[in-house]
């Protein structure tokens, strides 16, 4: 019975530490979201403008394009792997 009381007492001792870590995580999340919103809407005019400007750079445009090799077969069109 004494051991159970000690375990409960020790776990309550860490409540402040757990609260501090949770609060810090919420602050970091809010900071990351606010920086993302500032970049998206402060430096650019929203997502469309951001993606339009990214589309002008050929190296970035490659990241948004998926190449699919299509082969015609008697049963219809089937995607196939690259040869």
N, C-alpha and C. Protein backbone atom coordinates (compact mmCIF):
# COMPACT_ATOMS: atom_id res chain seq x y z
N UNK A 1 0.82 -1.20 0.00
CA UNK A 1 0.00 0.00 0.00
C UNK A 1 0.87 1.26 0.00
N UNK A 2 1.97 1.21 0.68
CA UNK A 2 2.86 2.36 0.75
C UNK A 2 3.48 2.65 -0.63
N UNK A 3 3.81 1.59 -1.37
CA UNK A 3 4.41 1.78 -2.69
C UNK A 3 3.45 2.47 -3.65
N UNK A 4 2.19 2.16 -3.59
CA UNK A 4 1.21 2.79 -4.47
C UNK A 4 1.11 4.28 -4.17
N UNK A 5 1.14 4.67 -2.92
CA UNK A 5 1.08 6.09 -2.58
C UNK A 5 2.30 6.84 -3.09
N UNK A 6 3.47 6.22 -3.03
CA UNK A 6 4.69 6.86 -3.51
C UNK A 6 4.62 7.06 -5.02
N UNK A 7 4.14 6.08 -5.75
CA UNK A 7 4.04 6.18 -7.20
C UNK A 7 3.07 7.29 -7.58
N UNK A 8 1.95 7.36 -6.91
CA UNK A 8 0.98 8.42 -7.20
C UNK A 8 1.57 9.78 -6.86
N UNK A 9 2.28 9.88 -5.76
CA UNK A 9 2.89 11.15 -5.36
C UNK A 9 3.94 11.59 -6.38
N UNK A 10 4.76 10.67 -6.87
CA UNK A 10 5.79 11.01 -7.84
C UNK A 10 5.15 11.44 -9.15
N UNK A 11 4.10 10.76 -9.60
CA UNK A 11 3.47 11.12 -10.86
C UNK A 11 2.82 12.51 -10.78
N UNK A 12 2.28 12.89 -9.62
CA UNK A 12 1.73 14.23 -9.48
C UNK A 12 2.83 15.29 -9.45
N UNK A 13 4.04 14.91 -9.11
CA UNK A 13 5.16 15.85 -9.09
C UNK A 13 5.56 16.31 -10.47
N UNK A 14 5.25 15.53 -11.50
CA UNK A 14 5.62 15.87 -12.86
C UNK A 14 4.53 16.61 -13.62
N UNK A 15 3.43 16.95 -12.99
CA UNK A 15 2.35 17.63 -13.68
C UNK A 15 2.79 18.99 -14.21
N UNK A 16 3.59 19.71 -13.45
CA UNK A 16 4.08 21.01 -13.90
C UNK A 16 4.99 20.87 -15.10
N UNK A 17 5.83 19.85 -15.10
CA UNK A 17 6.71 19.61 -16.23
C UNK A 17 5.92 19.22 -17.47
N UNK A 18 4.93 18.37 -17.31
CA UNK A 18 4.09 17.98 -18.44
C UNK A 18 3.32 19.18 -18.99
N UNK A 19 2.82 20.03 -18.12
CA UNK A 19 2.12 21.23 -18.55
C UNK A 19 3.06 22.16 -19.31
N UNK A 20 4.28 22.30 -18.83
CA UNK A 20 5.25 23.17 -19.50
C UNK A 20 5.59 22.66 -20.90
N UNK A 21 5.76 21.35 -21.02
CA UNK A 21 6.07 20.77 -22.33
C UNK A 21 4.88 20.92 -23.27
N UNK A 22 3.68 20.69 -22.78
CA UNK A 22 2.49 20.83 -23.62
C UNK A 22 2.31 22.29 -24.06
N UNK A 23 2.51 23.22 -23.15
CA UNK A 23 2.38 24.64 -23.47
C UNK A 23 3.42 25.06 -24.51
N UNK A 24 4.66 24.57 -24.34
CA UNK A 24 5.71 24.88 -25.30
C UNK A 24 5.38 24.33 -26.68
N UNK A 25 4.81 23.15 -26.75
CA UNK A 25 4.43 22.56 -28.03
C UNK A 25 3.34 23.37 -28.71
N UNK A 26 2.38 23.85 -27.94
CA UNK A 26 1.30 24.67 -28.50
C UNK A 26 1.87 26.00 -29.02
N UNK A 27 2.79 26.58 -28.28
CA UNK A 27 3.42 27.85 -28.72
C UNK A 27 4.20 27.63 -30.01
N UNK A 28 4.95 26.53 -30.10
CA UNK A 28 5.71 26.24 -31.32
C UNK A 28 4.78 26.00 -32.50
N UNK A 29 3.70 25.28 -32.29
CA UNK A 29 2.74 25.04 -33.36
C UNK A 29 2.13 26.35 -33.85
N UNK A 30 1.77 27.22 -32.92
CA UNK A 30 1.20 28.52 -33.30
C UNK A 30 2.24 29.36 -34.06
N UNK A 31 3.50 29.29 -33.66
CA UNK A 31 4.55 30.04 -34.35
C UNK A 31 4.75 29.52 -35.78
N UNK A 32 4.76 28.21 -35.95
CA UNK A 32 4.95 27.64 -37.29
C UNK A 32 3.78 27.99 -38.19
N UNK A 33 2.57 27.90 -37.67
CA UNK A 33 1.39 28.25 -38.46
C UNK A 33 1.40 29.73 -38.82
N UNK A 34 1.77 30.59 -37.89
CA UNK A 34 1.79 32.03 -38.18
C UNK A 34 2.86 32.38 -39.21
N UNK A 35 4.02 31.73 -39.18
CA UNK A 35 5.05 31.97 -40.20
C UNK A 35 4.55 31.50 -41.56
N UNK A 36 3.90 30.34 -41.60
CA UNK A 36 3.35 29.84 -42.86
C UNK A 36 2.29 30.76 -43.43
N UNK A 37 1.42 31.28 -42.57
CA UNK A 37 0.40 32.22 -43.03
C UNK A 37 1.02 33.54 -43.50
N UNK A 38 2.05 33.99 -42.80
CA UNK A 38 2.72 35.22 -43.22
C UNK A 38 3.37 35.05 -44.58
N UNK A 39 4.05 33.92 -44.79
CA UNK A 39 4.69 33.69 -46.09
C UNK A 39 3.64 33.57 -47.18
N UNK A 40 2.56 32.83 -46.91
CA UNK A 40 1.55 32.60 -47.93
C UNK A 40 0.76 33.86 -48.28
N UNK A 41 0.35 34.61 -47.27
CA UNK A 41 -0.52 35.76 -47.52
C UNK A 41 0.18 37.11 -47.37
N UNK A 42 1.34 37.15 -46.71
CA UNK A 42 2.07 38.40 -46.57
C UNK A 42 3.03 38.64 -47.71
N UNK A 43 3.82 37.64 -48.03
CA UNK A 43 4.79 37.78 -49.11
C UNK A 43 4.18 37.50 -50.47
N UNK A 44 3.19 36.62 -50.50
CA UNK A 44 2.50 36.27 -51.74
C UNK A 44 1.03 36.61 -51.58
N UNK A 45 0.28 36.46 -52.63
CA UNK A 45 -1.16 36.78 -52.57
C UNK A 45 -2.01 35.54 -52.38
N UNK A 46 -1.53 34.59 -51.62
CA UNK A 46 -2.29 33.37 -51.36
C UNK A 46 -1.65 32.17 -52.04
N UNK A 47 -2.35 31.05 -51.94
CA UNK A 47 -1.82 29.80 -52.46
C UNK A 47 -1.70 29.82 -53.99
N UNK A 48 -2.67 30.42 -54.65
CA UNK A 48 -2.64 30.43 -56.13
C UNK A 48 -1.42 31.18 -56.64
N UNK A 49 -1.13 32.33 -56.06
CA UNK A 49 0.04 33.11 -56.47
C UNK A 49 1.32 32.34 -56.17
N UNK A 50 1.37 31.70 -55.03
CA UNK A 50 2.55 30.93 -54.64
C UNK A 50 2.81 29.79 -55.62
N UNK A 51 1.76 29.05 -55.99
CA UNK A 51 1.93 27.94 -56.92
C UNK A 51 2.17 28.43 -58.35
N UNK A 52 1.58 29.56 -58.72
CA UNK A 52 1.85 30.13 -60.05
C UNK A 52 3.31 30.52 -60.19
N UNK A 53 3.87 31.12 -59.16
CA UNK A 53 5.28 31.49 -59.20
C UNK A 53 6.19 30.26 -59.18
N UNK A 54 5.79 29.24 -58.44
CA UNK A 54 6.57 28.01 -58.42
C UNK A 54 6.53 27.31 -59.77
N UNK A 55 5.42 27.48 -60.50
CA UNK A 55 5.27 26.86 -61.82
C UNK A 55 6.22 27.48 -62.85
N UNK A 56 6.70 28.69 -62.59
CA UNK A 56 7.61 29.35 -63.52
C UNK A 56 9.03 28.78 -63.46
N UNK A 57 9.37 28.11 -62.39
CA UNK A 57 10.71 27.53 -62.23
C UNK A 57 10.66 26.07 -62.69
N UNK A 58 11.44 25.70 -63.72
CA UNK A 58 11.34 24.33 -64.26
C UNK A 58 11.67 23.23 -63.25
N UNK A 59 12.62 23.47 -62.35
CA UNK A 59 12.98 22.45 -61.36
C UNK A 59 11.84 22.19 -60.39
N UNK A 60 11.11 23.23 -60.05
CA UNK A 60 9.98 23.07 -59.13
C UNK A 60 8.78 22.49 -59.87
N UNK A 61 8.60 22.87 -61.13
CA UNK A 61 7.48 22.36 -61.92
C UNK A 61 7.55 20.84 -62.02
N UNK A 62 8.76 20.27 -62.08
CA UNK A 62 8.93 18.82 -62.13
C UNK A 62 8.30 18.13 -60.93
N UNK A 63 8.33 18.77 -59.78
CA UNK A 63 7.81 18.16 -58.57
C UNK A 63 6.29 18.01 -58.58
N UNK A 64 5.61 18.83 -59.39
CA UNK A 64 4.16 18.81 -59.42
C UNK A 64 3.59 17.99 -60.57
N UNK A 65 4.46 17.42 -61.40
CA UNK A 65 4.00 16.68 -62.58
C UNK A 65 4.28 15.19 -62.35
N UNK A 66 3.27 14.37 -62.61
CA UNK A 66 3.43 12.92 -62.50
C UNK A 66 3.34 12.33 -63.90
N UNK A 67 4.40 11.68 -64.32
CA UNK A 67 4.40 11.06 -65.63
C UNK A 67 3.81 9.67 -65.53
N UNK A 68 2.87 9.37 -66.43
CA UNK A 68 2.24 8.06 -66.47
C UNK A 68 2.37 7.53 -67.89
N UNK A 69 2.88 6.32 -68.01
CA UNK A 69 3.01 5.67 -69.31
C UNK A 69 1.74 4.86 -69.53
N UNK A 70 1.00 5.18 -70.59
CA UNK A 70 -0.27 4.52 -70.86
C UNK A 70 -0.11 3.63 -72.09
N UNK A 71 -0.60 2.42 -71.96
CA UNK A 71 -0.51 1.46 -73.05
C UNK A 71 -1.91 1.06 -73.46
N UNK A 72 -2.19 1.07 -74.77
CA UNK A 72 -3.49 0.65 -75.27
C UNK A 72 -3.52 -0.87 -75.35
N UNK A 73 -4.59 -1.44 -74.87
CA UNK A 73 -4.76 -2.89 -74.93
C UNK A 73 -6.16 -3.18 -75.48
N UNK A 74 -6.42 -4.41 -75.88
CA UNK A 74 -7.74 -4.75 -76.40
C UNK A 74 -8.86 -4.47 -75.42
N UNK A 75 -8.61 -4.56 -74.15
CA UNK A 75 -9.65 -4.34 -73.14
C UNK A 75 -9.82 -2.89 -72.75
N UNK A 76 -9.00 -2.00 -73.26
CA UNK A 76 -9.08 -0.59 -72.91
C UNK A 76 -7.70 -0.04 -72.64
N UNK A 77 -7.64 1.09 -71.98
CA UNK A 77 -6.36 1.74 -71.67
C UNK A 77 -5.93 1.29 -70.29
N UNK A 78 -4.68 0.82 -70.20
CA UNK A 78 -4.16 0.34 -68.93
C UNK A 78 -2.84 1.04 -68.63
N UNK A 79 -2.65 1.56 -67.43
CA UNK A 79 -1.34 2.11 -67.10
C UNK A 79 -0.33 0.98 -66.92
N UNK A 80 0.88 1.23 -67.32
CA UNK A 80 1.92 0.21 -67.16
C UNK A 80 3.19 0.87 -66.66
N UNK A 81 4.10 0.05 -66.20
CA UNK A 81 5.35 0.59 -65.66
C UNK A 81 6.25 0.99 -66.82
N UNK A 82 7.24 1.80 -66.50
CA UNK A 82 8.18 2.24 -67.52
C UNK A 82 9.02 1.07 -68.00
N UNK A 83 9.34 1.02 -69.30
CA UNK A 83 10.18 -0.07 -69.82
C UNK A 83 11.62 0.09 -69.40
